[in-house]
Amino acid sequence: MDVKRVKDYLYWLYYQYQLVTCSYVLEPWEQSMFHTITVTVVAMVVYTAYVFVPIHVRLALEFFSQIFGAQPESTVVN
């Protein structure tokens, strides 16, 4: 991709973000506070999903495998 197109696309995404959140009407110090809080919340959500979703998926798979009659590996007879 062309560097100018990437730059224009990123500018367009930032403009859409400002329109959706109405942050363009805030004063500069309010914008910086708003963006800091938004980035912090998004980072916490991503971290939480990264840490806890795999654990819950594994536990759900174990739970449903017990319900539907699959034998655990330690009880399989060879």
PDB file of N, CA and C in Angstrom:
ATOM      1  N   MET A   1       0.829  -1.192   0.000  1.00  0.00           N
ATOM      2  CA  MET A   1       0.000   0.000   0.000  1.00  0.00           C
ATOM      3  C   MET A   1       0.870   1.251   0.000  1.00  0.00           C
ATOM      4  N   ASP A   2       0.346   2.217  -0.548  1.00  0.00           N
ATOM      5  CA  ASP A   2       0.956   3.527  -0.618  1.00  0.00           C
ATOM      6  C   ASP A   2       0.892   4.196   0.768  1.00  0.00           C
ATOM      7  N   VAL A   3       1.968   4.870   1.166  1.00  0.00           N
ATOM      8  CA  VAL A   3       2.043   5.491   2.492  1.00  0.00           C
ATOM      9  C   VAL A   3       0.984   6.576   2.641  1.00  0.00           C
ATOM     10  N   LYS A   4       0.740   7.327   1.587  1.00  0.00           N
ATOM     11  CA  LYS A   4      -0.266   8.392   1.654  1.00  0.00           C
ATOM     12  C   LYS A   4      -1.660   7.805   1.870  1.00  0.00           C
ATOM     13  N   ARG A   5      -1.967   6.694   1.221  1.00  0.00           N
ATOM     14  CA  ARG A   5      -3.274   6.065   1.402  1.00  0.00           C
ATOM     15  C   ARG A   5      -3.448   5.554   2.822  1.00  0.00           C
ATOM     16  N   VAL A   6      -2.392   4.973   3.392  1.00  0.00           N
ATOM     17  CA  VAL A   6      -2.460   4.481   4.767  1.00  0.00           C
ATOM     18  C   VAL A   6      -2.663   5.650   5.716  1.00  0.00           C
ATOM     19  N   LYS A   7      -1.923   6.722   5.497  1.00  0.00           N
ATOM     20  CA  LYS A   7      -2.057   7.911   6.338  1.00  0.00           C
ATOM     21  C   LYS A   7      -3.463   8.492   6.236  1.00  0.00           C
ATOM     22  N   ASP A   8      -3.997   8.573   5.019  1.00  0.00           N
ATOM     23  CA  ASP A   8      -5.362   9.072   4.828  1.00  0.00           C
ATOM     24  C   ASP A   8      -6.388   8.166   5.500  1.00  0.00           C
ATOM     25  N   TYR A   9      -6.183   6.863   5.426  1.00  0.00           N
ATOM     26  CA  TYR A   9      -7.110   5.916   6.040  1.00  0.00           C
ATOM     27  C   TYR A   9      -7.091   6.046   7.565  1.00  0.00           C
ATOM     28  N   LEU A  10      -5.895   6.166   8.145  1.00  0.00           N
ATOM     29  CA  LEU A  10      -5.795   6.341   9.589  1.00  0.00           C
ATOM     30  C   LEU A  10      -6.433   7.660  10.025  1.00  0.00           C
ATOM     31  N   TYR A  11      -6.235   8.715   9.239  1.00  0.00           N
ATOM     32  CA  TYR A  11      -6.872   9.991   9.545  1.00  0.00           C
ATOM     33  C   TYR A  11      -8.388   9.846   9.478  1.00  0.00           C
ATOM     34  N   TRP A  12      -8.886   9.111   8.490  1.00  0.00           N
ATOM     35  CA  TRP A  12     -10.330   8.899   8.344  1.00  0.00           C
ATOM     36  C   TRP A  12     -10.876   8.107   9.541  1.00  0.00           C
ATOM     37  N   LEU A  13     -10.144   7.081   9.985  1.00  0.00           N
ATOM     38  CA  LEU A  13     -10.572   6.314  11.157  1.00  0.00           C
ATOM     39  C   LEU A  13     -10.620   7.191  12.406  1.00  0.00           C
ATOM     40  N   TYR A  14      -9.620   8.043  12.586  1.00  0.00           N
ATOM     41  CA  TYR A  14      -9.606   8.940  13.740  1.00  0.00           C
ATOM     42  C   TYR A  14     -10.770   9.927  13.649  1.00  0.00           C
ATOM     43  N   TYR A  15     -11.060  10.415  12.463  1.00  0.00           N
ATOM     44  CA  TYR A  15     -12.188  11.325  12.261  1.00  0.00           C
ATOM     45  C   TYR A  15     -13.506  10.623  12.599  1.00  0.00           C
ATOM     46  N   GLN A  16     -13.656   9.382  12.186  1.00  0.00           N
ATOM     47  CA  GLN A  16     -14.862   8.620  12.509  1.00  0.00           C
ATOM     48  C   GLN A  16     -14.983   8.422  14.018  1.00  0.00           C
ATOM     49  N   TYR A  17     -13.862   8.140  14.672  1.00  0.00           N
ATOM     50  CA  TYR A  17     -13.841   7.987  16.125  1.00  0.00           C
ATOM     51  C   TYR A  17     -14.300   9.278  16.792  1.00  0.00           C
ATOM     52  N   GLN A  18     -13.817  10.409  16.318  1.00  0.00           N
ATOM     53  CA  GLN A  18     -14.225  11.685  16.893  1.00  0.00           C
ATOM     54  C   GLN A  18     -15.706  11.945  16.669  1.00  0.00           C
ATOM     55  N   LEU A  19     -16.213  11.585  15.502  1.00  0.00           N
ATOM     56  CA  LEU A  19     -17.634  11.797  15.226  1.00  0.00           C
ATOM     57  C   LEU A  19     -18.519  10.909  16.086  1.00  0.00           C
ATOM     58  N   VAL A  20     -18.132   9.657  16.235  1.00  0.00           N
ATOM     59  CA  VAL A  20     -18.947   8.721  17.004  1.00  0.00           C
ATOM     60  C   VAL A  20     -18.960   9.089  18.490  1.00  0.00           C
ATOM     61  N   THR A  21     -17.812   9.473  19.014  1.00  0.00           N
ATOM     62  CA  THR A  21     -17.733   9.793  20.434  1.00  0.00           C
ATOM     63  C   THR A  21     -18.044  11.257  20.731  1.00  0.00           C
ATOM     64  N   CYS A  22     -18.230  12.066  19.712  1.00  0.00           N
ATOM     65  CA  CYS A  22     -18.478  13.516  19.861  1.00  0.00           C
ATOM     66  C   CYS A  22     -17.342  14.204  20.601  1.00  0.00           C
ATOM     67  N   SER A  23     -16.145  13.679  20.508  1.00  0.00           N
ATOM     68  CA  SER A  23     -15.014  14.273  21.224  1.00  0.00           C
ATOM     69  C   SER A  23     -14.472  15.513  20.531  1.00  0.00           C
ATOM     70  N   TYR A  24     -14.911  15.788  19.319  1.00  0.00           N
ATOM     71  CA  TYR A  24     -14.442  16.982  18.615  1.00  0.00           C
ATOM     72  C   TYR A  24     -14.987  18.258  19.248  1.00  0.00           C
ATOM     73  N   VAL A  25     -16.024  18.168  20.073  1.00  0.00           N
ATOM     74  CA  VAL A  25     -16.592  19.358  20.713  1.00  0.00           C
ATOM     75  C   VAL A  25     -15.930  19.653  22.050  1.00  0.00           C
ATOM     76  N   LEU A  26     -15.029  18.782  22.498  1.00  0.00           N
ATOM     77  CA  LEU A  26     -14.368  18.979  23.779  1.00  0.00           C
ATOM     78  C   LEU A  26     -13.176  19.919  23.624  1.00  0.00           C
ATOM     79  N   GLU A  27     -12.813  20.541  24.725  1.00  0.00           N
ATOM     80  CA  GLU A  27     -11.604  21.362  24.730  1.00  0.00           C
ATOM     81  C   GLU A  27     -10.394  20.436  24.705  1.00  0.00           C
ATOM     82  N   PRO A  28      -9.223  20.957  24.331  1.00  0.00           N
ATOM     83  CA  PRO A  28      -8.039  20.077  24.209  1.00  0.00           C
ATOM     84  C   PRO A  28      -7.708  19.294  25.483  1.00  0.00           C
ATOM     85  N   TRP A  29      -7.790  19.913  26.648  1.00  0.00           N
ATOM     86  CA  TRP A  29      -7.473  19.174  27.873  1.00  0.00           C
ATOM     87  C   TRP A  29      -8.531  18.121  28.154  1.00  0.00           C
ATOM     88  N   GLU A  30      -9.787  18.397  27.777  1.00  0.00           N
ATOM     89  CA  GLU A  30     -10.845  17.397  27.942  1.00  0.00           C
ATOM     90  C   GLU A  30     -10.652  16.241  26.959  1.00  0.00           C
ATOM     91  N   GLN A  31     -10.218  16.569  25.748  1.00  0.00           N
ATOM     92  CA  GLN A  31      -9.954  15.519  24.765  1.00  0.00           C
ATOM     93  C   GLN A  31      -8.855  14.583  25.249  1.00  0.00           C
ATOM     94  N   SER A  32      -7.783  15.157  25.798  1.00  0.00           N
ATOM     95  CA  SER A  32      -6.685  14.295  26.260  1.00  0.00           C
ATOM     96  C   SER A  32      -7.130  13.403  27.416  1.00  0.00           C
ATOM     97  N   MET A  33      -7.931  13.944  28.324  1.00  0.00           N
ATOM     98  CA  MET A  33      -8.461  13.120  29.422  1.00  0.00           C
ATOM     99  C   MET A  33      -9.379  12.030  28.878  1.00  0.00           C
ATOM    100  N   PHE A  34     -10.253  12.388  27.960  1.00  0.00           N
ATOM    101  CA  PHE A  34     -11.194  11.431  27.377  1.00  0.00           C
ATOM    102  C   PHE A  34     -10.448  10.323  26.644  1.00  0.00           C
ATOM    103  N   HIS A  35      -9.449  10.683  25.839  1.00  0.00           N
ATOM    104  CA  HIS A  35      -8.691   9.678  25.087  1.00  0.00           C
ATOM    105  C   HIS A  35      -7.897   8.780  26.030  1.00  0.00           C
ATOM    106  N   THR A  36      -7.349   9.349  27.099  1.00  0.00           N
ATOM    107  CA  THR A  36      -6.601   8.552  28.064  1.00  0.00           C
ATOM    108  C   THR A  36      -7.504   7.527  28.737  1.00  0.00           C
ATOM    109  N   ILE A  37      -8.669   7.962  29.159  1.00  0.00           N
ATOM    110  CA  ILE A  37      -9.611   7.043  29.801  1.00  0.00           C
ATOM    111  C   ILE A  37     -10.084   5.974  28.821  1.00  0.00           C
ATOM    112  N   THR A  38     -10.373   6.379  27.592  1.00  0.00           N
ATOM    113  CA  THR A  38     -10.838   5.425  26.577  1.00  0.00           C
ATOM    114  C   THR A  38      -9.769   4.373  26.284  1.00  0.00           C
ATOM    115  N   VAL A  39      -8.534   4.806  26.101  1.00  0.00           N
ATOM    116  CA  VAL A  39      -7.448   3.860  25.810  1.00  0.00           C
ATOM    117  C   VAL A  39      -7.224   2.925  27.000  1.00  0.00           C
ATOM    118  N   THR A  40      -7.319   3.460  28.218  1.00  0.00           N
ATOM    119  CA  THR A  40      -7.147   2.635  29.411  1.00  0.00           C
ATOM    120  C   THR A  40      -8.227   1.566  29.503  1.00  0.00           C
ATOM    121  N   VAL A  41      -9.464   1.950  29.266  1.00  0.00           N
ATOM    122  CA  VAL A  41     -10.570   0.986  29.339  1.00  0.00           C
ATOM    123  C   VAL A  41     -10.422  -0.083  28.259  1.00  0.00           C
ATOM    124  N   VAL A  42     -10.082   0.317  27.040  1.00  0.00           N
ATOM    125  CA  VAL A  42      -9.902  -0.659  25.958  1.00  0.00           C
ATOM    126  C   VAL A  42      -8.754  -1.603  26.283  1.00  0.00           C
ATOM    127  N   ALA A  43      -7.664  -1.074  26.823  1.00  0.00           N
ATOM    128  CA  ALA A  43      -6.527  -1.928  27.181  1.00  0.00           C
ATOM    129  C   ALA A  43      -6.912  -2.922  28.270  1.00  0.00           C
ATOM    130  N   MET A  44      -7.684  -2.490  29.252  1.00  0.00           N
ATOM    131  CA  MET A  44      -8.107  -3.407  30.311  1.00  0.00           C
ATOM    132  C   MET A  44      -9.040  -4.490  29.770  1.00  0.00           C
ATOM    133  N   VAL A  45      -9.924  -4.146  28.858  1.00  0.00           N
ATOM    134  CA  VAL A  45     -10.829  -5.137  28.269  1.00  0.00           C
ATOM    135  C   VAL A  45     -10.048  -6.160  27.457  1.00  0.00           C
ATOM    136  N   VAL A  46      -9.091  -5.703  26.666  1.00  0.00           N
ATOM    137  CA  VAL A  46      -8.285  -6.624  25.856  1.00  0.00           C
ATOM    138  C   VAL A  46      -7.458  -7.542  26.759  1.00  0.00           C
ATOM    139  N   TYR A  47      -6.845  -6.991  27.798  1.00  0.00           N
ATOM    140  CA  TYR A  47      -6.052  -7.803  28.719  1.00  0.00           C
ATOM    141  C   TYR A  47      -6.924  -8.839  29.425  1.00  0.00           C
ATOM    142  N   THR A  48      -8.090  -8.414  29.887  1.00  0.00           N
ATOM    143  CA  THR A  48      -8.992  -9.331  30.583  1.00  0.00           C
ATOM    144  C   THR A  48      -9.443 -10.450  29.654  1.00  0.00           C
ATOM    145  N   ALA A  49      -9.768 -10.105  28.424  1.00  0.00           N
ATOM    146  CA  ALA A  49     -10.172 -11.130  27.466  1.00  0.00           C
ATOM    147  C   ALA A  49      -9.019 -12.092  27.191  1.00  0.00           C
ATOM    148  N   TYR A  50      -7.807 -11.559  27.061  1.00  0.00           N
ATOM    149  CA  TYR A  50      -6.641 -12.396  26.784  1.00  0.00           C
ATOM    150  C   TYR A  50      -6.364 -13.362  27.928  1.00  0.00           C
ATOM    151  N   VAL A  51      -6.560 -12.914  29.153  1.00  0.00           N
ATOM    152  CA  VAL A  51      -6.225 -13.743  30.308  1.00  0.00           C
ATOM    153  C   VAL A  51      -7.345 -14.718  30.664  1.00  0.00           C
ATOM    154  N   PHE A  52      -8.593 -14.238  30.693  1.00  0.00           N
ATOM    155  CA  PHE A  52      -9.665 -15.040  31.270  1.00  0.00           C
ATOM    156  C   PHE A  52     -10.507 -15.826  30.264  1.00  0.00           C
ATOM    157  N   VAL A  53     -10.609 -15.403  29.040  1.00  0.00           N
ATOM    158  CA  VAL A  53     -11.446 -16.120  28.072  1.00  0.00           C
ATOM    159  C   VAL A  53     -10.922 -17.532  27.813  1.00  0.00           C
ATOM    160  N   PRO A  54      -9.621 -17.748  27.591  1.00  0.00           N
ATOM    161  CA  PRO A  54      -9.169 -19.132  27.374  1.00  0.00           C
ATOM    162  C   PRO A  54      -9.459 -20.054  28.557  1.00  0.00           C
ATOM    163  N   ILE A  55      -9.327 -19.541  29.774  1.00  0.00           N
ATOM    164  CA  ILE A  55      -9.604 -20.357  30.958  1.00  0.00           C
ATOM    165  C   ILE A  55     -11.079 -20.764  30.976  1.00  0.00           C
ATOM    166  N   HIS A  56     -11.963 -19.810  30.719  1.00  0.00           N
ATOM    167  CA  HIS A  56     -13.387 -20.117  30.745  1.00  0.00           C
ATOM    168  C   HIS A  56     -13.794 -21.048  29.597  1.00  0.00           C
ATOM    169  N   VAL A  57     -13.182 -20.904  28.452  1.00  0.00           N
ATOM    170  CA  VAL A  57     -13.473 -21.809  27.335  1.00  0.00           C
ATOM    171  C   VAL A  57     -13.046 -23.222  27.685  1.00  0.00           C
ATOM    172  N   ARG A  58     -11.849 -23.378  28.283  1.00  0.00           N
ATOM    173  CA  ARG A  58     -11.385 -24.705  28.674  1.00  0.00           C
ATOM    174  C   ARG A  58     -12.319 -25.333  29.708  1.00  0.00           C
ATOM    175  N   LEU A  59     -12.723 -24.543  30.718  1.00  0.00           N
ATOM    176  CA  LEU A  59     -13.633 -25.071  31.738  1.00  0.00           C
ATOM    177  C   LEU A  59     -14.992 -25.436  31.139  1.00  0.00           C
ATOM    178  N   ALA A  60     -15.483 -24.635  30.207  1.00  0.00           N
ATOM    179  CA  ALA A  60     -16.763 -24.948  29.563  1.00  0.00           C
ATOM    180  C   ALA A  60     -16.649 -26.231  28.745  1.00  0.00           C
ATOM    181  N   LEU A  61     -15.546 -26.406  28.037  1.00  0.00           N
ATOM    182  CA  LEU A  61     -15.360 -27.637  27.263  1.00  0.00           C
ATOM    183  C   LEU A  61     -15.289 -28.857  28.175  1.00  0.00           C
ATOM    184  N   GLU A  62     -14.601 -28.739  29.294  1.00  0.00           N
ATOM    185  CA  GLU A  62     -14.552 -29.855  30.250  1.00  0.00           C
ATOM    186  C   GLU A  62     -15.937 -30.153  30.804  1.00  0.00           C
ATOM    187  N   PHE A  63     -16.671 -29.129  31.137  1.00  0.00           N
ATOM    188  CA  PHE A  63     -18.019 -29.302  31.681  1.00  0.00           C
ATOM    189  C   PHE A  63     -18.930 -30.016  30.689  1.00  0.00           C
ATOM    190  N   PHE A  64     -18.951 -29.530  29.450  1.00  0.00           N
ATOM    191  CA  PHE A  64     -19.843 -30.129  28.459  1.00  0.00           C
ATOM    192  C   PHE A  64     -19.375 -31.508  28.020  1.00  0.00           C
ATOM    193  N   SER A  65     -18.075 -31.764  28.069  1.00  0.00           N
ATOM    194  CA  SER A  65     -17.623 -33.117  27.720  1.00  0.00           C
ATOM    195  C   SER A  65     -18.053 -34.109  28.797  1.00  0.00           C
ATOM    196  N   GLN A  66     -18.140 -33.677  30.060  1.00  0.00           N
ATOM    197  CA  GLN A  66     -18.637 -34.554  31.113  1.00  0.00           C
ATOM    198  C   GLN A  66     -20.135 -34.777  30.973  1.00  0.00           C
ATOM    199  N   ILE A  67     -20.868 -33.754  30.581  1.00  0.00           N
ATOM    200  CA  ILE A  67     -22.322 -33.883  30.423  1.00  0.00           C
ATOM    201  C   ILE A  67     -22.667 -34.839  29.290  1.00  0.00           C
ATOM    202  N   PHE A  68     -21.957 -34.729  28.177  1.00  0.00           N
ATOM    203  CA  PHE A  68     -22.303 -35.535  27.018  1.00  0.00           C
ATOM    204  C   PHE A  68     -21.596 -36.887  26.995  1.00  0.00           C
ATOM    205  N   GLY A  69     -20.988 -37.289  28.110  1.00  0.00           N
ATOM    206  CA  GLY A  69     -20.512 -38.648  28.255  1.00  0.00           C
ATOM    207  C   GLY A  69     -19.121 -38.935  27.762  1.00  0.00           C
ATOM    208  N   ALA A  70     -18.353 -37.971  27.391  1.00  0.00           N
ATOM    209  CA  ALA A  70     -16.979 -38.239  26.989  1.00  0.00           C
ATOM    210  C   ALA A  70     -16.164 -38.582  28.229  1.00  0.00           C
ATOM    211  N   GLN A  71     -15.329 -39.617  28.131  1.00  0.00           N
ATOM    212  CA  GLN A  71     -14.536 -40.029  29.281  1.00  0.00           C
ATOM    213  C   GLN A  71     -13.291 -39.161  29.382  1.00  0.00           C
ATOM    214  N   PRO A  72     -12.910 -38.796  30.597  1.00  0.00           N
ATOM    215  CA  PRO A  72     -11.633 -38.082  30.760  1.00  0.00           C
ATOM    216  C   PRO A  72     -10.488 -38.979  30.347  1.00  0.00           C
ATOM    217  N   GLU A  73      -9.364 -38.402  29.998  1.00  0.00           N
ATOM    218  CA  GLU A  73      -8.226 -39.181  29.494  1.00  0.00           C
ATOM    219  C   GLU A  73      -7.709 -40.165  30.535  1.00  0.00           C
ATOM    220  N   SER A  74      -7.820 -39.846  31.820  1.00  0.00           N
ATOM    221  CA  SER A  74      -7.256 -40.726  32.850  1.00  0.00           C
ATOM    222  C   SER A  74      -8.087 -41.984  33.051  1.00  0.00           C
ATOM    223  N   THR A  75      -9.327 -42.046  32.578  1.00  0.00           N
ATOM    224  CA  THR A  75     -10.175 -43.227  32.786  1.00  0.00           C
ATOM    225  C   THR A  75     -10.334 -44.072  31.523  1.00  0.00           C
ATOM    226  N   VAL A  76      -9.652 -43.727  30.468  1.00  0.00           N
ATOM    227  CA  VAL A  76      -9.747 -44.496  29.228  1.00  0.00           C
ATOM    228  C   VAL A  76      -8.984 -45.797  29.420  1.00  0.00           C
ATOM    229  N   VAL A  77      -9.644 -46.931  29.097  1.00  0.00           N
ATOM    230  CA  VAL A  77      -9.042 -48.251  29.233  1.00  0.00           C
ATOM    231  C   VAL A  77      -8.367 -48.605  27.920  1.00  0.00           C
ATOM    232  N   ASN A  78      -7.096 -49.031  28.032  1.00  0.00           N
ATOM    233  CA  ASN A  78      -6.342 -49.415  26.805  1.00  0.00           C
ATOM    234  C   ASN A  78      -6.495 -50.861  26.505  1.00  0.00           C
TER     235      ASN A  78
END
